[in-house]
C-alpha atoms as a PDB file:
ATOM      1  CA  MET A   1      34.203 109.681  63.158  1.00  0.00           C
ATOM      2  CA  THR A   2      35.596 106.348  63.694  1.00  0.00           C
ATOM      3  CA  THR A   3      36.549 103.666  60.869  1.00  0.00           C
ATOM      4  CA  ALA A   4      34.956 100.213  60.683  1.00  0.00           C
ATOM      5  CA  ARG A   5      38.202  98.750  61.691  1.00  0.00           C
ATOM      6  CA  GLU A   6      38.416 100.960  64.807  1.00  0.00           C
ATOM      7  CA  ASP A   7      34.928 100.035  65.741  1.00  0.00           C
ATOM      8  CA  LEU A   8      35.668  96.375  65.467  1.00  0.00           C
ATOM      9  CA  LEU A   9      38.702  96.843  67.814  1.00  0.00           C
ATOM     10  CA  THR A  10      36.694  98.973  70.190  1.00  0.00           C
ATOM     11  CA  ALA A  11      34.080  96.267  70.316  1.00  0.00           C
ATOM     12  CA  GLY A  12      36.609  93.542  70.578  1.00  0.00           C
ATOM     13  CA  LEU A  13      38.043  95.324  73.654  1.00  0.00           C
ATOM     14  CA  ALA A  14      34.455  95.483  75.319  1.00  0.00           C
ATOM     15  CA  VAL A  15      33.675  91.948  74.714  1.00  0.00           C
ATOM     16  CA  PHE A  16      37.055  90.461  75.833  1.00  0.00           C
ATOM     17  CA  ASP A  17      36.687  92.552  78.951  1.00  0.00           C
ATOM     18  CA  ARG A  18      33.207  91.237  79.580  1.00  0.00           C
ATOM     19  CA  ASP A  19      33.643  87.640  78.472  1.00  0.00           C
ATOM     20  CA  GLY A  20      37.304  86.939  78.313  1.00  0.00           C
ATOM     21  CA  PHE A  21      39.302  85.792  75.417  1.00  0.00           C
ATOM     22  CA  ASP A  22      37.732  82.221  75.408  1.00  0.00           C
ATOM     23  CA  GLY A  23      34.206  83.352  75.999  1.00  0.00           C
ATOM     24  CA  ALA A  24      34.388  86.083  73.276  1.00  0.00           C
ATOM     25  CA  THR A  25      32.956  85.296  69.880  1.00  0.00           C
ATOM     26  CA  VAL A  26      33.166  86.944  66.489  1.00  0.00           C
ATOM     27  CA  ALA A  27      29.287  87.175  66.395  1.00  0.00           C
ATOM     28  CA  ALA A  28      29.415  89.171  69.647  1.00  0.00           C
ATOM     29  CA  ILE A  29      32.102  91.437  68.462  1.00  0.00           C
ATOM     30  CA  ARG A  30      30.206  92.089  65.244  1.00  0.00           C
ATOM     31  CA  THR A  31      27.066  92.753  67.025  1.00  0.00           C
ATOM     32  CA  ARG A  32      28.683  95.169  69.327  1.00  0.00           C
ATOM     33  CA  ALA A  33      30.400  97.068  66.400  1.00  0.00           C
ATOM     34  CA  ARG A  34      27.217  96.816  64.219  1.00  0.00           C
ATOM     35  CA  ALA A  35      29.519  95.216  61.648  1.00  0.00           C
ATOM     36  CA  SER A  36      28.819  92.456  58.949  1.00  0.00           C
ATOM     37  CA  ASN A  37      30.592  89.168  58.670  1.00  0.00           C
ATOM     38  CA  GLY A  38      32.062  90.368  55.566  1.00  0.00           C
ATOM     39  CA  SER A  39      33.401  93.577  57.285  1.00  0.00           C
ATOM     40  CA  PHE A  40      35.039  91.688  60.148  1.00  0.00           C
ATOM     41  CA  PHE A  41      36.710  89.262  57.800  1.00  0.00           C
ATOM     42  CA  HIS A  42      37.859  92.031  55.587  1.00  0.00           C
ATOM     43  CA  PHE A  43      40.083  93.398  58.523  1.00  0.00           C
ATOM     44  CA  PHE A  44      40.661  90.273  60.509  1.00  0.00           C
ATOM     45  CA  ALA A  45      41.112  86.640  59.561  1.00  0.00           C
ATOM     46  CA  SER A  46      40.075  85.563  63.116  1.00  0.00           C
ATOM     47  CA  LYS A  47      39.257  86.639  66.660  1.00  0.00           C
ATOM     48  CA  LYS A  48      42.890  85.742  67.507  1.00  0.00           C
ATOM     49  CA  GLU A  49      44.188  88.206  64.962  1.00  0.00           C
ATOM     50  CA  LEU A  50      41.939  90.939  66.328  1.00  0.00           C
ATOM     51  CA  ALA A  51      43.147  90.270  69.704  1.00  0.00           C
ATOM     52  CA  GLY A  52      46.781  90.357  68.713  1.00  0.00           C
ATOM     53  CA  THR A  53      46.161  93.628  66.859  1.00  0.00           C
ATOM     54  CA  LEU A  54      44.371  95.015  69.765  1.00  0.00           C
ATOM     55  CA  PHE A  55      47.128  93.984  72.151  1.00  0.00           C
ATOM     56  CA  LEU A  56      49.851  95.595  70.086  1.00  0.00           C
ATOM     57  CA  GLU A  57      47.941  98.908  69.699  1.00  0.00           C
ATOM     58  CA  ILE A  58      47.207  99.194  73.430  1.00  0.00           C
ATOM     59  CA  LEU A  59      50.904  98.231  74.230  1.00  0.00           C
ATOM     60  CA  GLN A  60      52.047 101.039  71.852  1.00  0.00           C
ATOM     61  CA  SER A  61      49.749 103.411  73.787  1.00  0.00           C
ATOM     62  CA  TYR A  62      51.081 102.455  77.104  1.00  0.00           C
ATOM     63  CA  HIS A  63      54.865 102.585  76.034  1.00  0.00           C
ATOM     64  CA  ALA A  64      54.232 106.170  74.436  1.00  0.00           C
ATOM     65  CA  ALA A  65      52.738 107.378  77.841  1.00  0.00           C
ATOM     66  CA  MET A  66      55.927 105.855  79.658  1.00  0.00           C
ATOM     67  CA  ILE A  67      58.343 107.351  77.296  1.00  0.00           C
ATOM     68  CA  CYS A  68      56.696 110.802  77.101  1.00  0.00           C
ATOM     69  CA  SER A  69      56.833 111.021  80.796  1.00  0.00           C
ATOM     70  CA  VAL A  70      60.598 111.626  81.104  1.00  0.00           C
ATOM     71  CA  ASP A  71      62.828 114.082  79.291  1.00  0.00           C
ATOM     72  CA  GLU A  72      66.427 115.396  79.330  1.00  0.00           C
ATOM     73  CA  ALA A  73      65.431 117.932  81.850  1.00  0.00           C
ATOM     74  CA  CYS A  74      64.417 115.794  84.689  1.00  0.00           C
ATOM     75  CA  GLY A  75      66.940 114.173  87.063  1.00  0.00           C
ATOM     76  CA  ALA A  76      67.089 110.640  88.540  1.00  0.00           C
ATOM     77  CA  GLN A  77      64.432 111.262  91.409  1.00  0.00           C
ATOM     78  CA  GLU A  78      62.151 113.218  89.221  1.00  0.00           C
ATOM     79  CA  GLY A  79      62.352 110.676  86.433  1.00  0.00           C
ATOM     80  CA  VAL A  80      61.662 107.799  88.741  1.00  0.00           C
ATOM     81  CA  ALA A  81      58.714 109.589  90.049  1.00  0.00           C
ATOM     82  CA  ARG A  82      57.357 110.529  86.605  1.00  0.00           C
ATOM     83  CA  LEU A  83      57.661 106.962  85.369  1.00  0.00           C
ATOM     84  CA  ILE A  84      55.723 105.487  88.359  1.00  0.00           C
ATOM     85  CA  HIS A  85      53.096 108.370  88.000  1.00  0.00           C
ATOM     86  CA  ALA A  86      52.720 107.577  84.260  1.00  0.00           C
ATOM     87  CA  HIS A  87      52.300 103.874  84.868  1.00  0.00           C
ATOM     88  CA  LEU A  88      49.572 104.320  87.574  1.00  0.00           C
ATOM     89  CA  ASP A  89      47.841 107.078  85.641  1.00  0.00           C
ATOM     90  CA  TRP A  90      47.660 105.003  82.458  1.00  0.00           C
ATOM     91  CA  VAL A  91      46.376 101.990  84.269  1.00  0.00           C
ATOM     92  CA  VAL A  92      43.717 104.037  86.084  1.00  0.00           C
ATOM     93  CA  GLY A  93      42.808 106.100  83.017  1.00  0.00           C
ATOM     94  CA  ASN A  94      42.539 103.177  80.683  1.00  0.00           C
ATOM     95  CA  ARG A  95      41.257 100.459  83.033  1.00  0.00           C
ATOM     96  CA  ARG A  96      39.672  98.303  80.309  1.00  0.00           C
ATOM     97  CA  GLU A  97      42.794  98.480  78.065  1.00  0.00           C
ATOM     98  CA  ALA A  98      45.040  97.782  81.110  1.00  0.00           C
ATOM     99  CA  ARG A  99      42.970  94.833  82.072  1.00  0.00           C
ATOM    100  CA  PHE A 100      43.356  93.472  78.495  1.00  0.00           C
ATOM    101  CA  LEU A 101      47.054  94.246  78.415  1.00  0.00           C
ATOM    102  CA  PHE A 102      48.016  92.782  81.897  1.00  0.00           C
ATOM    103  CA  GLU A 103      45.147  90.468  82.938  1.00  0.00           C
ATOM    104  CA  ILE A 104      43.289  88.716  80.214  1.00  0.00           C
ATOM    105  CA  SER A 105      45.075  85.375  79.298  1.00  0.00           C
ATOM    106  CA  ARG A 106      46.756  85.543  75.910  1.00  0.00           C
ATOM    107  CA  SER A 107      48.126  81.877  75.709  1.00  0.00           C
ATOM    108  CA  GLU A 108      45.908  81.225  72.692  1.00  0.00           C
ATOM    109  CA  TRP A 109      47.282  83.933  70.359  1.00  0.00           C
ATOM    110  CA  VAL A 110      50.369  85.719  71.879  1.00  0.00           C
ATOM    111  CA  GLU A 111      52.784  83.663  69.933  1.00  0.00           C
ATOM    112  CA  GLU A 112      51.324  85.109  66.788  1.00  0.00           C
ATOM    113  CA  VAL A 113      52.570  88.698  67.978  1.00  0.00           C
ATOM    114  CA  ARG A 114      55.643  87.623  70.002  1.00  0.00           C
ATOM    115  CA  GLY A 115      58.032  89.341  67.290  1.00  0.00           C
ATOM    116  CA  ALA A 116      56.069  92.550  67.286  1.00  0.00           C
ATOM    117  CA  GLN A 117      55.813  92.581  70.904  1.00  0.00           C
ATOM    118  CA  ARG A 118      59.662  92.190  71.336  1.00  0.00           C
ATOM    119  CA  ALA A 119      60.084  95.088  68.926  1.00  0.00           C
ATOM    120  CA  GLU A 120      57.543  97.240  70.880  1.00  0.00           C
ATOM    121  CA  ASN A 121      59.469  96.429  74.198  1.00  0.00           C
ATOM    122  CA  SER A 122      62.798  97.263  72.503  1.00  0.00           C
ATOM    123  CA  ARG A 123      61.226 100.864  71.650  1.00  0.00           C
ATOM    124  CA  LEU A 124      60.230 101.358  75.219  1.00  0.00           C
ATOM    125  CA  ALA A 125      63.602 100.412  76.570  1.00  0.00           C
ATOM    126  CA  GLU A 126      65.261 102.704  73.945  1.00  0.00           C
ATOM    127  CA  GLY A 127      63.062 105.371  74.692  1.00  0.00           C
ATOM    128  CA  ILE A 128      63.779 105.080  78.572  1.00  0.00           C
ATOM    129  CA  GLU A 129      67.365 104.538  78.022  1.00  0.00           C
ATOM    130  CA  ARG A 130      67.664 108.020  76.257  1.00  0.00           C
ATOM    131  CA  TRP A 131      66.758 109.479  79.510  1.00  0.00           C
ATOM    132  CA  ARG A 132      68.674 106.997  81.856  1.00  0.00           C
ATOM    133  CA  ALA A 133      72.024 106.749  80.176  1.00  0.00           C
ATOM    134  CA  PRO A 134      73.210 110.313  80.969  1.00  0.00           C
ATOM    135  CA  ARG A 135      72.000 109.649  84.560  1.00  0.00           C
ATOM    136  CA  LEU A 136      74.005 106.233  84.771  1.00  0.00           C
ATOM    137  CA  ALA A 137      77.167 108.116  83.253  1.00  0.00           C
ATOM    138  CA  SER A 138      76.805 110.851  85.866  1.00  0.00           C
ATOM    139  CA  GLY A 139      76.499 108.447  88.711  1.00  0.00           C
ATOM    140  CA  GLU A 140      72.867 109.775  89.661  1.00  0.00           C
ATOM    141  CA  LEU A 141      71.571 106.258  88.870  1.00  0.00           C
ATOM    142  CA  LEU A 142      72.834 103.107  90.158  1.00  0.00           C
ATOM    143  CA  PRO A 143      74.468 100.691  87.631  1.00  0.00           C
ATOM    144  CA  MET A 144      71.900  97.907  86.467  1.00  0.00           C
ATOM    145  CA  SER A 145      70.625  96.547  83.333  1.00  0.00           C
ATOM    146  CA  ALA A 146      67.635  98.194  81.696  1.00  0.00           C
ATOM    147  CA  ALA A 147      65.390  95.189  82.427  1.00  0.00           C
ATOM    148  CA  VAL A 148      66.314  95.264  86.093  1.00  0.00           C
ATOM    149  CA  PHE A 149      65.797  99.044  86.358  1.00  0.00           C
ATOM    150  CA  LEU A 150      62.245  98.808  84.757  1.00  0.00           C
ATOM    151  CA  SER A 151      61.590  95.814  87.025  1.00  0.00           C
ATOM    152  CA  GLN A 152      62.415  97.961  90.207  1.00  0.00           C
ATOM    153  CA  ILE A 153      60.187 100.766  88.778  1.00  0.00           C
ATOM    154  CA  ILE A 154      57.185  99.156  87.377  1.00  0.00           C
ATOM    155  CA  GLY A 155      57.174  95.693  89.268  1.00  0.00           C
ATOM    156  CA  PRO A 156      55.997  96.987  92.738  1.00  0.00           C
ATOM    157  CA  ALA A 157      53.474  99.313  91.210  1.00  0.00           C
ATOM    158  CA  GLN A 158      52.035  96.347  89.252  1.00  0.00           C
ATOM    159  CA  ILE A 159      51.132  94.398  92.476  1.00  0.00           C
ATOM    160  CA  PHE A 160      48.647  97.083  93.365  1.00  0.00           C
ATOM    161  CA  CYS A 161      47.546  97.604  89.858  1.00  0.00           C
ATOM    162  CA  ARG A 162      46.802  94.058  89.341  1.00  0.00           C
ATOM    163  CA  ALA A 163      44.741  93.951  92.561  1.00  0.00           C
ATOM    164  CA  TYR A 164      42.755  96.978  91.171  1.00  0.00           C
ATOM    165  CA  LEU A 165      42.229  95.629  87.777  1.00  0.00           C
ATOM    166  CA  SER A 166      40.998  92.247  89.030  1.00  0.00           C
ATOM    167  CA  GLY A 167      38.605  93.888  91.468  1.00  0.00           C
ATOM    168  CA  ARG A 168      40.387  92.253  94.378  1.00  0.00           C
ATOM    169  CA  ASN A 169      41.171  95.819  95.713  1.00  0.00           C
ATOM    170  CA  ARG A 170      38.837  98.758  94.870  1.00  0.00           C
ATOM    171  CA  ASP A 171      41.440 101.394  96.126  1.00  0.00           C
ATOM    172  CA  ASP A 172      42.941 103.668  93.524  1.00  0.00           C
ATOM    173  CA  PRO A 173      46.539 102.369  93.011  1.00  0.00           C
ATOM    174  CA  ARG A 174      47.594 106.128  92.710  1.00  0.00           C
ATOM    175  CA  GLU A 175      47.093 106.417  96.378  1.00  0.00           C
ATOM    176  CA  GLN A 176      50.416 104.443  96.929  1.00  0.00           C
ATOM    177  CA  ALA A 177      52.420 106.567  94.532  1.00  0.00           C
ATOM    178  CA  GLU A 178      54.617 108.284  97.169  1.00  0.00           C
ATOM    179  CA  ALA A 179      55.557 105.176  98.885  1.00  0.00           C
ATOM    180  CA  LEU A 180      56.255 103.414  95.635  1.00  0.00           C
ATOM    181  CA  ILE A 181      58.430 106.368  94.523  1.00  0.00           C
ATOM    182  CA  ALA A 182      60.360 106.216  97.864  1.00  0.00           C
ATOM    183  CA  CYS A 183      61.116 102.532  97.414  1.00  0.00           C
ATOM    184  CA  ALA A 184      62.030 102.765  93.790  1.00  0.00           C
ATOM    185  CA  VAL A 185      64.345 105.817  94.564  1.00  0.00           C
ATOM    186  CA  ARG A 186      66.078 103.829  97.188  1.00  0.00           C
ATOM    187  CA  ALA A 187      66.489 100.874  94.762  1.00  0.00           C
ATOM    188  CA  VAL A 188      67.818 102.725  91.700  1.00  0.00           C
ATOM    189  CA  VAL A 189      69.117 106.181  92.608  1.00  0.00           C
ATOM    190  CA  ALA A 190      72.598 106.651  93.938  1.00  0.00           C
ATOM    191  CA  PRO A 191      72.568 107.595  97.748  1.00  0.00           C
ATOM    192  CA  GLY A 192      74.292 110.944  96.865  1.00  0.00           C
ATOM    193  CA  ALA A 193      71.732 111.931  94.370  1.00  0.00           C
ATOM    194  CA  GLN A 194      68.796 111.004  96.658  1.00  0.00           C
ATOM    195  CA  GLN A 195      69.010 114.291  98.720  1.00  0.00           C
ATOM    196  CA  GLY A 196      68.887 116.618  95.871  1.00  0.00           C
ATOM    197  CA  GLU A 197      68.571 116.527  92.066  1.00  0.00           C
ATOM    198  CA  ALA A 198      71.853 116.877  90.094  1.00  0.00           C
ATOM    199  CA  SER A 199      71.419 119.302  87.332  1.00  0.00           C
END
């Protein structure tokens, strides 16, 4: 059974997805959640605060999926493949959440959660770095910063995901997984490790 707070967040996500941030109203969110005005303002001071809370919770869910996709046992190529599959699977499996996270403008409220967002991004980087650092040390992965590494893994996949999320392209972005993996492997995996996984 969900709580009133969870119902409001779920309703907020649906209304933001339908109307955008600017078009969404507290009244529409309350109506969808079947919540009173007092209930809404018990949990959130404003639509902006609800949006920020929703953003951080979705970001945590996305990051958890990414971090859980790699472990100590997988080598460089397998890890790259798992990260790309995790990103694509999460976007397709959580389309409404992904649209909110990656597509809906947050200029009105993103500054209010910027510090928390940075902390969440640091946790993602640390989680992936636990897998990546030994691969860097062994020479399986090419030397580059964590930010550049992630941009090579996620950046190209996001091109397909954004087109999918916006409706410009109805094709499932997971259909591009093998090509995206092949390109990412060439970009981040050392040539000697591309033929077979090191143990």
